[in-house]
Amino acid sequence: MVTSSAQNTDTSVQAFYRWQPYRDQLELLIRVRVQPGASREVCDGQRAGQLRLRIAAPPVSGAANRNLCKHLASRLGVKSGRVEVIKGLRHRNKVVAVLIDPKCKVQIEARLRDLAEPKRRL
């Protein structure tokens, strides 16, 4: 179980994600707002409690969701099979679950802080 002292105290960054235990691992839940069909793939930082991403793939047959999972896995440094859209499959507002080894929590939080900064290319 994660103690409160181990959690990130920066509430502006933490607003778009949360941790929860999942078996012997941690599950990272990220609230995302996606703009599919964008001209370029960019992370626009976080706003209103959501990570805002522009994805080049069109919103057809789940292509944007697959592209979202692939790029989030790349930016977080995890395998793409550990990233899954669990809510909002057909909507712009989504919840993405990422399974994380508890030993990697500090590195993942550093990468989340980087993603929260505006105008980061994916």
PDB file of N, CA and C in Angstrom:
ATOM      1  N   MET A   1       0.832  -1.178   0.000  1.00  0.00           N
ATOM      2  CA  MET A   1       0.000   0.000   0.000  1.00  0.00           C
ATOM      3  C   MET A   1       0.878   1.243   0.000  1.00  0.00           C
ATOM      4  N   VAL A   2       0.464   2.237  -0.712  1.00  0.00           N
ATOM      5  CA  VAL A   2       1.213   3.483  -0.838  1.00  0.00           C
ATOM      6  C   VAL A   2       0.871   4.378   0.345  1.00  0.00           C
ATOM      7  N   THR A   3       1.887   4.880   1.027  1.00  0.00           N
ATOM      8  CA  THR A   3       1.642   5.780   2.145  1.00  0.00           C
ATOM      9  C   THR A   3       1.557   7.210   1.653  1.00  0.00           C
ATOM     10  N   SER A   4       0.953   8.057   2.458  1.00  0.00           N
ATOM     11  CA  SER A   4       0.777   9.443   2.042  1.00  0.00           C
ATOM     12  C   SER A   4       2.107  10.184   1.945  1.00  0.00           C
ATOM     13  N   SER A   5       3.105   9.763   2.711  1.00  0.00           N
ATOM     14  CA  SER A   5       4.396  10.439   2.646  1.00  0.00           C
ATOM     15  C   SER A   5       5.121  10.160   1.343  1.00  0.00           C
ATOM     16  N   ALA A   6       4.774   9.058   0.667  1.00  0.00           N
ATOM     17  CA  ALA A   6       5.434   8.708  -0.583  1.00  0.00           C
ATOM     18  C   ALA A   6       4.762   9.365  -1.784  1.00  0.00           C
ATOM     19  N   GLN A   7       3.614  10.003  -1.584  1.00  0.00           N
ATOM     20  CA  GLN A   7       2.900  10.591  -2.704  1.00  0.00           C
ATOM     21  C   GLN A   7       3.466  11.953  -3.045  1.00  0.00           C
ATOM     22  N   ASN A   8       3.280  12.321  -4.284  1.00  0.00           N
ATOM     23  CA  ASN A   8       3.733  13.619  -4.777  1.00  0.00           C
ATOM     24  C   ASN A   8       2.908  14.721  -4.118  1.00  0.00           C
ATOM     25  N   THR A   9       3.575  15.745  -3.607  1.00  0.00           N
ATOM     26  CA  THR A   9       2.869  16.825  -2.929  1.00  0.00           C
ATOM     27  C   THR A   9       2.482  17.953  -3.868  1.00  0.00           C
ATOM     28  N   ASP A  10       2.923  17.917  -5.106  1.00  0.00           N
ATOM     29  CA  ASP A  10       2.577  18.954  -6.078  1.00  0.00           C
ATOM     30  C   ASP A  10       1.175  18.675  -6.610  1.00  0.00           C
ATOM     31  N   THR A  11       0.156  19.309  -6.037  1.00  0.00           N
ATOM     32  CA  THR A  11      -1.221  18.999  -6.387  1.00  0.00           C
ATOM     33  C   THR A  11      -1.586  19.444  -7.789  1.00  0.00           C
ATOM     34  N   SER A  12      -0.907  20.447  -8.347  1.00  0.00           N
ATOM     35  CA  SER A  12      -1.242  20.887  -9.694  1.00  0.00           C
ATOM     36  C   SER A  12      -0.880  19.822 -10.725  1.00  0.00           C
ATOM     37  N   VAL A  13       0.212  19.112 -10.478  1.00  0.00           N
ATOM     38  CA  VAL A  13       0.601  18.042 -11.383  1.00  0.00           C
ATOM     39  C   VAL A  13      -0.209  16.791 -11.092  1.00  0.00           C
ATOM     40  N   GLN A  14      -0.395  16.484  -9.829  1.00  0.00           N
ATOM     41  CA  GLN A  14      -1.068  15.249  -9.464  1.00  0.00           C
ATOM     42  C   GLN A  14      -2.554  15.275  -9.795  1.00  0.00           C
ATOM     43  N   ALA A  15      -3.091  16.421 -10.106  1.00  0.00           N
ATOM     44  CA  ALA A  15      -4.521  16.526 -10.358  1.00  0.00           C
ATOM     45  C   ALA A  15      -4.989  15.620 -11.499  1.00  0.00           C
ATOM     46  N   PHE A  16      -4.154  15.329 -12.489  1.00  0.00           N
ATOM     47  CA  PHE A  16      -4.611  14.538 -13.630  1.00  0.00           C
ATOM     48  C   PHE A  16      -4.304  13.045 -13.507  1.00  0.00           C
ATOM     49  N   TYR A  17      -3.655  12.607 -12.437  1.00  0.00           N
ATOM     50  CA  TYR A  17      -3.396  11.187 -12.268  1.00  0.00           C
ATOM     51  C   TYR A  17      -3.512  10.781 -10.807  1.00  0.00           C
ATOM     52  N   ARG A  18      -3.680   9.468 -10.602  1.00  0.00           N
ATOM     53  CA  ARG A  18      -3.672   8.928  -9.249  1.00  0.00           C
ATOM     54  C   ARG A  18      -3.167   7.489  -9.284  1.00  0.00           C
ATOM     55  N   TRP A  19      -2.659   7.052  -8.156  1.00  0.00           N
ATOM     56  CA  TRP A  19      -2.126   5.701  -8.003  1.00  0.00           C
ATOM     57  C   TRP A  19      -3.118   4.858  -7.211  1.00  0.00           C
ATOM     58  N   GLN A  20      -3.181   3.570  -7.554  1.00  0.00           N
ATOM     59  CA  GLN A  20      -3.938   2.645  -6.724  1.00  0.00           C
ATOM     60  C   GLN A  20      -3.253   1.279  -6.787  1.00  0.00           C
ATOM     61  N   PRO A  21      -3.274   0.522  -5.689  1.00  0.00           N
ATOM     62  CA  PRO A  21      -2.640  -0.796  -5.697  1.00  0.00           C
ATOM     63  C   PRO A  21      -3.388  -1.759  -6.615  1.00  0.00           C
ATOM     64  N   TYR A  22      -2.644  -2.623  -7.279  1.00  0.00           N
ATOM     65  CA  TYR A  22      -3.230  -3.637  -8.149  1.00  0.00           C
ATOM     66  C   TYR A  22      -2.359  -4.885  -8.028  1.00  0.00           C
ATOM     67  N   ARG A  23      -2.851  -5.861  -7.293  1.00  0.00           N
ATOM     68  CA  ARG A  23      -2.105  -7.080  -6.992  1.00  0.00           C
ATOM     69  C   ARG A  23      -0.750  -6.711  -6.413  1.00  0.00           C
ATOM     70  N   ASP A  24       0.350  -7.135  -7.007  1.00  0.00           N
ATOM     71  CA  ASP A  24       1.670  -6.798  -6.469  1.00  0.00           C
ATOM     72  C   ASP A  24       2.291  -5.607  -7.205  1.00  0.00           C
ATOM     73  N   GLN A  25       1.481  -4.902  -7.984  1.00  0.00           N
ATOM     74  CA  GLN A  25       1.963  -3.752  -8.740  1.00  0.00           C
ATOM     75  C   GLN A  25       1.142  -2.521  -8.390  1.00  0.00           C
ATOM     76  N   LEU A  26       1.456  -1.415  -9.047  1.00  0.00           N
ATOM     77  CA  LEU A  26       0.665  -0.195  -8.915  1.00  0.00           C
ATOM     78  C   LEU A  26      -0.039   0.067 -10.235  1.00  0.00           C
ATOM     79  N   GLU A  27      -1.241   0.570 -10.144  1.00  0.00           N
ATOM     80  CA  GLU A  27      -1.970   0.977 -11.341  1.00  0.00           C
ATOM     81  C   GLU A  27      -2.028   2.496 -11.328  1.00  0.00           C
ATOM     82  N   LEU A  28      -1.553   3.075 -12.392  1.00  0.00           N
ATOM     83  CA  LEU A  28      -1.574   4.520 -12.573  1.00  0.00           C
ATOM     84  C   LEU A  28      -2.771   4.855 -13.447  1.00  0.00           C
ATOM     85  N   LEU A  29      -3.672   5.684 -12.944  1.00  0.00           N
ATOM     86  CA  LEU A  29      -4.843   6.105 -13.705  1.00  0.00           C
ATOM     87  C   LEU A  29      -4.633   7.558 -14.126  1.00  0.00           C
ATOM     88  N   ILE A  30      -4.670   7.789 -15.434  1.00  0.00           N
ATOM     89  CA  ILE A  30      -4.417   9.119 -15.990  1.00  0.00           C
ATOM     90  C   ILE A  30      -5.668   9.599 -16.716  1.00  0.00           C
ATOM     91  N   ARG A  31      -6.142  10.780 -16.341  1.00  0.00           N
ATOM     92  CA  ARG A  31      -7.259  11.402 -17.074  1.00  0.00           C
ATOM     93  C   ARG A  31      -6.668  12.174 -18.244  1.00  0.00           C
ATOM     94  N   VAL A  32      -7.190  11.879 -19.444  1.00  0.00           N
ATOM     95  CA  VAL A  32      -6.637  12.438 -20.681  1.00  0.00           C
ATOM     96  C   VAL A  32      -7.753  13.052 -21.511  1.00  0.00           C
ATOM     97  N   ARG A  33      -7.448  14.171 -22.135  1.00  0.00           N
ATOM     98  CA  ARG A  33      -8.332  14.755 -23.163  1.00  0.00           C
ATOM     99  C   ARG A  33      -7.563  14.679 -24.470  1.00  0.00           C
ATOM    100  N   VAL A  34      -8.127  13.977 -25.447  1.00  0.00           N
ATOM    101  CA  VAL A  34      -7.445  13.697 -26.710  1.00  0.00           C
ATOM    102  C   VAL A  34      -8.077  14.503 -27.836  1.00  0.00           C
ATOM    103  N   GLN A  35      -7.218  15.044 -28.689  1.00  0.00           N
ATOM    104  CA  GLN A  35      -7.670  15.678 -29.928  1.00  0.00           C
ATOM    105  C   GLN A  35      -7.152  14.807 -31.066  1.00  0.00           C
ATOM    106  N   PRO A  36      -7.969  13.887 -31.574  1.00  0.00           N
ATOM    107  CA  PRO A  36      -7.519  13.018 -32.663  1.00  0.00           C
ATOM    108  C   PRO A  36      -7.503  13.768 -33.992  1.00  0.00           C
ATOM    109  N   GLY A  37      -6.737  13.257 -34.951  1.00  0.00           N
ATOM    110  CA  GLY A  37      -6.669  13.851 -36.276  1.00  0.00           C
ATOM    111  C   GLY A  37      -5.897  15.154 -36.312  1.00  0.00           C
ATOM    112  N   ALA A  38      -5.019  15.374 -35.354  1.00  0.00           N
ATOM    113  CA  ALA A  38      -4.229  16.608 -35.317  1.00  0.00           C
ATOM    114  C   ALA A  38      -3.140  16.565 -36.385  1.00  0.00           C
ATOM    115  N   SER A  39      -2.639  17.730 -36.748  1.00  0.00           N
ATOM    116  CA  SER A  39      -1.594  17.797 -37.772  1.00  0.00           C
ATOM    117  C   SER A  39      -0.248  17.303 -37.238  1.00  0.00           C
ATOM    118  N   ARG A  40      -0.045  17.391 -35.930  1.00  0.00           N
ATOM    119  CA  ARG A  40       1.178  16.873 -35.321  1.00  0.00           C
ATOM    120  C   ARG A  40       0.845  16.355 -33.931  1.00  0.00           C
ATOM    121  N   GLU A  41       1.698  15.500 -33.417  1.00  0.00           N
ATOM    122  CA  GLU A  41       1.455  14.899 -32.113  1.00  0.00           C
ATOM    123  C   GLU A  41       2.205  15.675 -31.040  1.00  0.00           C
ATOM    124  N   VAL A  42       1.430  16.268 -30.132  1.00  0.00           N
ATOM    125  CA  VAL A  42       1.988  17.143 -29.108  1.00  0.00           C
ATOM    126  C   VAL A  42       1.244  16.914 -27.798  1.00  0.00           C
ATOM    127  N   CYS A  43       1.967  17.015 -26.699  1.00  0.00           N
ATOM    128  CA  CYS A  43       1.343  17.051 -25.387  1.00  0.00           C
ATOM    129  C   CYS A  43       1.203  18.521 -25.000  1.00  0.00           C
ATOM    130  N   ASP A  44      -0.019  18.971 -24.801  1.00  0.00           N
ATOM    131  CA  ASP A  44      -0.286  20.370 -24.469  1.00  0.00           C
ATOM    132  C   ASP A  44      -0.274  20.619 -22.965  1.00  0.00           C
ATOM    133  N   GLY A  45       0.282  19.706 -22.204  1.00  0.00           N
ATOM    134  CA  GLY A  45       0.333  19.872 -20.758  1.00  0.00           C
ATOM    135  C   GLY A  45      -0.963  19.469 -20.108  1.00  0.00           C
ATOM    136  N   GLN A  46      -1.144  19.909 -18.873  1.00  0.00           N
ATOM    137  CA  GLN A  46      -2.377  19.556 -18.177  1.00  0.00           C
ATOM    138  C   GLN A  46      -3.193  20.803 -17.905  1.00  0.00           C
ATOM    139  N   ARG A  47      -4.498  20.635 -18.027  1.00  0.00           N
ATOM    140  CA  ARG A  47      -5.431  21.726 -17.806  1.00  0.00           C
ATOM    141  C   ARG A  47      -6.731  21.124 -17.302  1.00  0.00           C
ATOM    142  N   ALA A  48      -7.325  21.743 -16.307  1.00  0.00           N
ATOM    143  CA  ALA A  48      -8.624  21.318 -15.764  1.00  0.00           C
ATOM    144  C   ALA A  48      -8.608  19.856 -15.336  1.00  0.00           C
ATOM    145  N   GLY A  49      -7.516  19.420 -14.743  1.00  0.00           N
ATOM    146  CA  GLY A  49      -7.437  18.057 -14.215  1.00  0.00           C
ATOM    147  C   GLY A  49      -7.273  16.975 -15.262  1.00  0.00           C
ATOM    148  N   GLN A  50      -6.839  17.338 -16.467  1.00  0.00           N
ATOM    149  CA  GLN A  50      -6.645  16.365 -17.529  1.00  0.00           C
ATOM    150  C   GLN A  50      -5.336  16.644 -18.249  1.00  0.00           C
ATOM    151  N   LEU A  51      -4.673  15.578 -18.684  1.00  0.00           N
ATOM    152  CA  LEU A  51      -3.523  15.707 -19.562  1.00  0.00           C
ATOM    153  C   LEU A  51      -4.083  15.883 -20.968  1.00  0.00           C
ATOM    154  N   ARG A  52      -3.635  16.904 -21.678  1.00  0.00           N
ATOM    155  CA  ARG A  52      -4.185  17.206 -22.998  1.00  0.00           C
ATOM    156  C   ARG A  52      -3.192  16.791 -24.073  1.00  0.00           C
ATOM    157  N   LEU A  53      -3.643  15.915 -24.983  1.00  0.00           N
ATOM    158  CA  LEU A  53      -2.785  15.377 -26.034  1.00  0.00           C
ATOM    159  C   LEU A  53      -3.426  15.569 -27.395  1.00  0.00           C
ATOM    160  N   ARG A  54      -2.595  15.928 -28.368  1.00  0.00           N
ATOM    161  CA  ARG A  54      -3.023  15.943 -29.771  1.00  0.00           C
ATOM    162  C   ARG A  54      -2.421  14.720 -30.430  1.00  0.00           C
ATOM    163  N   ILE A  55      -3.267  13.912 -31.061  1.00  0.00           N
ATOM    164  CA  ILE A  55      -2.854  12.660 -31.692  1.00  0.00           C
ATOM    165  C   ILE A  55      -3.134  12.748 -33.184  1.00  0.00           C
ATOM    166  N   ALA A  56      -2.180  12.308 -34.006  1.00  0.00           N
ATOM    167  CA  ALA A  56      -2.332  12.400 -35.463  1.00  0.00           C
ATOM    168  C   ALA A  56      -3.323  11.383 -36.019  1.00  0.00           C
ATOM    169  N   ALA A  57      -3.474  10.244 -35.374  1.00  0.00           N
ATOM    170  CA  ALA A  57      -4.353   9.195 -35.893  1.00  0.00           C
ATOM    171  C   ALA A  57      -5.810   9.666 -35.868  1.00  0.00           C
ATOM    172  N   PRO A  58      -6.585   9.264 -36.886  1.00  0.00           N
ATOM    173  CA  PRO A  58      -7.994   9.651 -36.927  1.00  0.00           C
ATOM    174  C   PRO A  58      -8.808   8.817 -35.923  1.00  0.00           C
ATOM    175  N   PRO A  59      -9.958   9.329 -35.504  1.00  0.00           N
ATOM    176  CA  PRO A  59     -10.787   8.590 -34.551  1.00  0.00           C
ATOM    177  C   PRO A  59     -11.646   7.531 -35.242  1.00  0.00           C
ATOM    178  N   VAL A  60     -11.004   6.635 -35.975  1.00  0.00           N
ATOM    179  CA  VAL A  60     -11.702   5.611 -36.748  1.00  0.00           C
ATOM    180  C   VAL A  60     -11.201   4.238 -36.324  1.00  0.00           C
ATOM    181  N   SER A  61     -12.108   3.350 -36.003  1.00  0.00           N
ATOM    182  CA  SER A  61     -11.790   1.954 -35.656  1.00  0.00           C
ATOM    183  C   SER A  61     -10.767   1.842 -34.529  1.00  0.00           C
ATOM    184  N   GLY A  62     -10.769   2.775 -33.610  1.00  0.00           N
ATOM    185  CA  GLY A  62      -9.868   2.706 -32.456  1.00  0.00           C
ATOM    186  C   GLY A  62      -8.430   3.088 -32.739  1.00  0.00           C
ATOM    187  N   ALA A  63      -8.152   3.657 -33.901  1.00  0.00           N
ATOM    188  CA  ALA A  63      -6.775   4.019 -34.263  1.00  0.00           C
ATOM    189  C   ALA A  63      -6.205   5.067 -33.312  1.00  0.00           C
ATOM    190  N   ALA A  64      -7.014   6.056 -32.943  1.00  0.00           N
ATOM    191  CA  ALA A  64      -6.530   7.099 -32.037  1.00  0.00           C
ATOM    192  C   ALA A  64      -6.245   6.522 -30.655  1.00  0.00           C
ATOM    193  N   ASN A  65      -7.068   5.587 -30.184  1.00  0.00           N
ATOM    194  CA  ASN A  65      -6.826   4.957 -28.878  1.00  0.00           C
ATOM    195  C   ASN A  65      -5.539   4.139 -28.891  1.00  0.00           C
ATOM    196  N   ARG A  66      -5.311   3.389 -29.958  1.00  0.00           N
ATOM    197  CA  ARG A  66      -4.065   2.604 -30.056  1.00  0.00           C
ATOM    198  C   ARG A  66      -2.847   3.526 -30.099  1.00  0.00           C
ATOM    199  N   ASN A  67      -2.961   4.607 -30.865  1.00  0.00           N
ATOM    200  CA  ASN A  67      -1.868   5.568 -30.959  1.00  0.00           C
ATOM    201  C   ASN A  67      -1.623   6.242 -29.610  1.00  0.00           C
ATOM    202  N   LEU A  68      -2.690   6.586 -28.900  1.00  0.00           N
ATOM    203  CA  LEU A  68      -2.576   7.181 -27.571  1.00  0.00           C
ATOM    204  C   LEU A  68      -1.827   6.245 -26.628  1.00  0.00           C
ATOM    205  N   CYS A  69      -2.205   4.977 -26.586  1.00  0.00           N
ATOM    206  CA  CYS A  69      -1.550   4.006 -25.699  1.00  0.00           C
ATOM    207  C   CYS A  69      -0.083   3.831 -26.067  1.00  0.00           C
ATOM    208  N   LYS A  70       0.197   3.752 -27.356  1.00  0.00           N
ATOM    209  CA  LYS A  70       1.580   3.579 -27.817  1.00  0.00           C
ATOM    210  C   LYS A  70       2.453   4.752 -27.390  1.00  0.00           C
ATOM    211  N   HIS A  71       1.976   5.966 -27.568  1.00  0.00           N
ATOM    212  CA  HIS A  71       2.773   7.140 -27.241  1.00  0.00           C
ATOM    213  C   HIS A  71       2.896   7.374 -25.738  1.00  0.00           C
ATOM    214  N   LEU A  72       1.840   7.107 -24.988  1.00  0.00           N
ATOM    215  CA  LEU A  72       1.960   7.223 -23.538  1.00  0.00           C
ATOM    216  C   LEU A  72       2.961   6.201 -22.997  1.00  0.00           C
ATOM    217  N   ALA A  73       2.928   4.985 -23.536  1.00  0.00           N
ATOM    218  CA  ALA A  73       3.886   3.962 -23.108  1.00  0.00           C
ATOM    219  C   ALA A  73       5.308   4.407 -23.421  1.00  0.00           C
ATOM    220  N   SER A  74       5.501   4.976 -24.582  1.00  0.00           N
ATOM    221  CA  SER A  74       6.831   5.464 -24.965  1.00  0.00           C
ATOM    222  C   SER A  74       7.306   6.571 -24.036  1.00  0.00           C
ATOM    223  N   ARG A  75       6.437   7.545 -23.747  1.00  0.00           N
ATOM    224  CA  ARG A  75       6.820   8.679 -22.886  1.00  0.00           C
ATOM    225  C   ARG A  75       7.028   8.270 -21.437  1.00  0.00           C
ATOM    226  N   LEU A  76       6.296   7.245 -20.979  1.00  0.00           N
ATOM    227  CA  LEU A  76       6.439   6.802 -19.594  1.00  0.00           C
ATOM    228  C   LEU A  76       7.509   5.732 -19.423  1.00  0.00           C
ATOM    229  N   GLY A  77       7.991   5.176 -20.530  1.00  0.00           N
ATOM    230  CA  GLY A  77       9.041   4.168 -20.466  1.00  0.00           C
ATOM    231  C   GLY A  77       8.550   2.798 -20.037  1.00  0.00           C
ATOM    232  N   VAL A  78       7.339   2.430 -20.462  1.00  0.00           N
ATOM    233  CA  VAL A  78       6.789   1.110 -20.154  1.00  0.00           C
ATOM    234  C   VAL A  78       6.417   0.418 -21.461  1.00  0.00           C
ATOM    235  N   LYS A  79       6.159  -0.878 -21.384  1.00  0.00           N
ATOM    236  CA  LYS A  79       5.729  -1.617 -22.569  1.00  0.00           C
ATOM    237  C   LYS A  79       4.304  -1.216 -22.929  1.00  0.00           C
ATOM    238  N   SER A  80       4.028  -1.187 -24.225  1.00  0.00           N
ATOM    239  CA  SER A  80       2.711  -0.726 -24.677  1.00  0.00           C
ATOM    240  C   SER A  80       1.586  -1.648 -24.219  1.00  0.00           C
ATOM    241  N   GLY A  81       1.883  -2.901 -23.929  1.00  0.00           N
ATOM    242  CA  GLY A  81       0.868  -3.820 -23.428  1.00  0.00           C
ATOM    243  C   GLY A  81       0.417  -3.513 -22.015  1.00  0.00           C
ATOM    244  N   ARG A  82       1.134  -2.648 -21.319  1.00  0.00           N
ATOM    245  CA  ARG A  82       0.783  -2.269 -19.953  1.00  0.00           C
ATOM    246  C   ARG A  82      -0.090  -1.017 -19.904  1.00  0.00           C
ATOM    247  N   VAL A  83      -0.423  -0.470 -21.068  1.00  0.00           N
ATOM    248  CA  VAL A  83      -1.233   0.755 -21.156  1.00  0.00           C
ATOM    249  C   VAL A  83      -2.555   0.407 -21.829  1.00  0.00           C
ATOM    250  N   GLU A  84      -3.665   0.842 -21.220  1.00  0.00           N
ATOM    251  CA  GLU A  84      -4.980   0.507 -21.756  1.00  0.00           C
ATOM    252  C   GLU A  84      -5.966   1.634 -21.465  1.00  0.00           C
ATOM    253  N   VAL A  85      -6.777   1.965 -22.457  1.00  0.00           N
ATOM    254  CA  VAL A  85      -7.861   2.918 -22.244  1.00  0.00           C
ATOM    255  C   VAL A  85      -8.986   2.148 -21.560  1.00  0.00           C
ATOM    256  N   ILE A  86      -9.339   2.571 -20.350  1.00  0.00           N
ATOM    257  CA  ILE A  86     -10.370   1.829 -19.608  1.00  0.00           C
ATOM    258  C   ILE A  86     -11.704   2.564 -19.545  1.00  0.00           C
ATOM    259  N   LYS A  87     -11.710   3.827 -19.923  1.00  0.00           N
ATOM    260  CA  LYS A  87     -12.960   4.593 -19.908  1.00  0.00           C
ATOM    261  C   LYS A  87     -12.899   5.636 -21.022  1.00  0.00           C
ATOM    262  N   GLY A  88     -14.013   5.799 -21.732  1.00  0.00           N
ATOM    263  CA  GLY A  88     -14.085   6.817 -22.776  1.00  0.00           C
ATOM    264  C   GLY A  88     -13.538   6.362 -24.111  1.00  0.00           C
ATOM    265  N   LEU A  89     -13.748   5.097 -24.462  1.00  0.00           N
ATOM    266  CA  LEU A  89     -13.220   4.574 -25.723  1.00  0.00           C
ATOM    267  C   LEU A  89     -13.690   5.365 -26.935  1.00  0.00           C
ATOM    268  N   ARG A  90     -14.891   5.925 -26.896  1.00  0.00           N
ATOM    269  CA  ARG A  90     -15.432   6.665 -28.034  1.00  0.00           C
ATOM    270  C   ARG A  90     -15.606   8.153 -27.739  1.00  0.00           C
ATOM    271  N   HIS A  91     -14.877   8.630 -26.742  1.00  0.00           N
ATOM    272  CA  HIS A  91     -14.994  10.040 -26.354  1.00  0.00           C
ATOM    273  C   HIS A  91     -13.621  10.690 -26.292  1.00  0.00           C
ATOM    274  N   ARG A  92     -13.595  12.002 -26.277  1.00  0.00           N
ATOM    275  CA  ARG A  92     -12.320  12.729 -26.149  1.00  0.00           C
ATOM    276  C   ARG A  92     -11.753  12.622 -24.743  1.00  0.00           C
ATOM    277  N   ASN A  93     -12.627  12.616 -23.740  1.00  0.00           N
ATOM    278  CA  ASN A  93     -12.188  12.492 -22.353  1.00  0.00           C
ATOM    279  C   ASN A  93     -12.055  11.019 -22.007  1.00  0.00           C
ATOM    280  N   LYS A  94     -10.863  10.619 -21.602  1.00  0.00           N
ATOM    281  CA  LYS A  94     -10.574   9.208 -21.374  1.00  0.00           C
ATOM    282  C   LYS A  94      -9.881   9.014 -20.032  1.00  0.00           C
ATOM    283  N   VAL A  95      -9.916   7.783 -19.553  1.00  0.00           N
ATOM    284  CA  VAL A  95      -9.096   7.371 -18.422  1.00  0.00           C
ATOM    285  C   VAL A  95      -8.224   6.233 -18.930  1.00  0.00           C
ATOM    286  N   VAL A  96      -6.910   6.395 -18.758  1.00  0.00           N
ATOM    287  CA  VAL A  96      -5.949   5.408 -19.220  1.00  0.00           C
ATOM    288  C   VAL A  96      -5.310   4.769 -17.989  1.00  0.00           C
ATOM    289  N   ALA A  97      -5.245   3.431 -17.979  1.00  0.00           N
ATOM    290  CA  ALA A  97      -4.612   2.696 -16.884  1.00  0.00           C
ATOM    291  C   ALA A  97      -3.247   2.203 -17.346  1.00  0.00           C
ATOM    292  N   VAL A  98      -2.249   2.356 -16.470  1.00  0.00           N
ATOM    293  CA  VAL A  98      -0.892   1.902 -16.759  1.00  0.00           C
ATOM    294  C   VAL A  98      -0.428   1.074 -15.570  1.00  0.00           C
ATOM    295  N   LEU A  99      -0.018  -0.184 -15.831  1.00  0.00           N
ATOM    296  CA  LEU A  99       0.513  -1.023 -14.759  1.00  0.00           C
ATOM    297  C   LEU A  99       1.995  -0.732 -14.587  1.00  0.00           C
ATOM    298  N   ILE A 100       2.384  -0.449 -13.344  1.00  0.00           N
ATOM    299  CA  ILE A 100       3.739  -0.008 -13.029  1.00  0.00           C
ATOM    300  C   ILE A 100       4.314  -0.887 -11.929  1.00  0.00           C
ATOM    301  N   ASP A 101       5.585  -1.217 -12.046  1.00  0.00           N
ATOM    302  CA  ASP A 101       6.307  -1.864 -10.959  1.00  0.00           C
ATOM    303  C   ASP A 101       6.520  -0.813  -9.870  1.00  0.00           C
ATOM    304  N   PRO A 102       6.224  -1.110  -8.597  1.00  0.00           N
ATOM    305  CA  PRO A 102       6.366  -0.106  -7.534  1.00  0.00           C
ATOM    306  C   PRO A 102       7.766   0.497  -7.438  1.00  0.00           C
ATOM    307  N   LYS A 103       8.781  -0.223  -7.873  1.00  0.00           N
ATOM    308  CA  LYS A 103      10.149   0.291  -7.831  1.00  0.00           C
ATOM    309  C   LYS A 103      10.353   1.460  -8.795  1.00  0.00           C
ATOM    310  N   CYS A 104       9.509   1.563  -9.808  1.00  0.00           N
ATOM    311  CA  CYS A 104       9.663   2.592 -10.845  1.00  0.00           C
ATOM    312  C   CYS A 104       8.810   3.828 -10.605  1.00  0.00           C
ATOM    313  N   LYS A 105       8.139   3.910  -9.464  1.00  0.00           N
ATOM    314  CA  LYS A 105       7.191   4.996  -9.227  1.00  0.00           C
ATOM    315  C   LYS A 105       7.846   6.377  -9.306  1.00  0.00           C
ATOM    316  N   VAL A 106       9.023   6.534  -8.748  1.00  0.00           N
ATOM    317  CA  VAL A 106       9.694   7.842  -8.739  1.00  0.00           C
ATOM    318  C   VAL A 106      10.028   8.283 -10.160  1.00  0.00           C
ATOM    319  N   GLN A 107      10.541   7.368 -10.989  1.00  0.00           N
ATOM    320  CA  GLN A 107      10.872   7.713 -12.367  1.00  0.00           C
ATOM    321  C   GLN A 107       9.617   8.056 -13.166  1.00  0.00           C
ATOM    322  N   ILE A 108       8.539   7.319 -12.940  1.00  0.00           N
ATOM    323  CA  ILE A 108       7.293   7.575 -13.666  1.00  0.00           C
ATOM    324  C   ILE A 108       6.726   8.941 -13.279  1.00  0.00           C
ATOM    325  N   GLU A 109       6.793   9.282 -11.985  1.00  0.00           N
ATOM    326  CA  GLU A 109       6.291  10.592 -11.560  1.00  0.00           C
ATOM    327  C   GLU A 109       7.100  11.728 -12.180  1.00  0.00           C
ATOM    328  N   ALA A 110       8.410  11.530 -12.337  1.00  0.00           N
ATOM    329  CA  ALA A 110       9.233  12.549 -12.999  1.00  0.00           C
ATOM    330  C   ALA A 110       8.802  12.712 -14.456  1.00  0.00           C
ATOM    331  N   ARG A 111       8.497  11.618 -15.121  1.00  0.00           N
ATOM    332  CA  ARG A 111       8.047  11.687 -16.512  1.00  0.00           C
ATOM    333  C   ARG A 111       6.668  12.324 -16.615  1.00  0.00           C
ATOM    334  N   LEU A 112       5.807  12.074 -15.628  1.00  0.00           N
ATOM    335  CA  LEU A 112       4.489  12.713 -15.607  1.00  0.00           C
ATOM    336  C   LEU A 112       4.622  14.225 -15.437  1.00  0.00           C
ATOM    337  N   ARG A 113       5.571  14.667 -14.618  1.00  0.00           N
ATOM    338  CA  ARG A 113       5.802  16.110 -14.467  1.00  0.00           C
ATOM    339  C   ARG A 113       6.251  16.717 -15.788  1.00  0.00           C
ATOM    340  N   ASP A 114       7.091  15.990 -16.536  1.00  0.00           N
ATOM    341  CA  ASP A 114       7.509  16.472 -17.853  1.00  0.00           C
ATOM    342  C   ASP A 114       6.322  16.581 -18.806  1.00  0.00           C
ATOM    343  N   LEU A 115       5.435  15.577 -18.775  1.00  0.00           N
ATOM    344  CA  LEU A 115       4.256  15.610 -19.640  1.00  0.00           C
ATOM    345  C   LEU A 115       3.313  16.746 -19.264  1.00  0.00           C
ATOM    346  N   ALA A 116       3.285  17.124 -17.999  1.00  0.00           N
ATOM    347  CA  ALA A 116       2.375  18.172 -17.543  1.00  0.00           C
ATOM    348  C   ALA A 116       2.794  19.553 -18.044  1.00  0.00           C
ATOM    349  N   GLU A 117       4.048  19.682 -18.459  1.00  0.00           N
ATOM    350  CA  GLU A 117       4.510  20.950 -19.026  1.00  0.00           C
ATOM    351  C   GLU A 117       3.956  21.094 -20.439  1.00  0.00           C
ATOM    352  N   PRO A 118       3.484  22.251 -20.836  1.00  0.00           N
ATOM    353  CA  PRO A 118       2.878  22.415 -22.167  1.00  0.00           C
ATOM    354  C   PRO A 118       3.885  22.307 -23.308  1.00  0.00           C
ATOM    355  N   LYS A 119       3.357  21.941 -24.472  1.00  0.00           N
ATOM    356  CA  LYS A 119       4.069  21.904 -25.747  1.00  0.00           C
ATOM    357  C   LYS A 119       5.238  20.924 -25.772  1.00  0.00           C
ATOM    358  N   ARG A 120       4.994  19.705 -25.339  1.00  0.00           N
ATOM    359  CA  ARG A 120       5.993  18.647 -25.452  1.00  0.00           C
ATOM    360  C   ARG A 120       5.597  17.723 -26.594  1.00  0.00           C
ATOM    361  N   ARG A 121       6.467  17.584 -27.577  1.00  0.00           N
ATOM    362  CA  ARG A 121       6.180  16.660 -28.674  1.00  0.00           C
ATOM    363  C   ARG A 121       6.234  15.239 -28.165  1.00  0.00           C
ATOM    364  N   LEU A 122       5.347  14.396 -28.698  1.00  0.00           N
ATOM    365  CA  LEU A 122       5.301  12.989 -28.287  1.00  0.00           C
ATOM    366  C   LEU A 122       6.313  12.209 -29.013  1.00  0.00           C
TER     367      LEU A 122
END
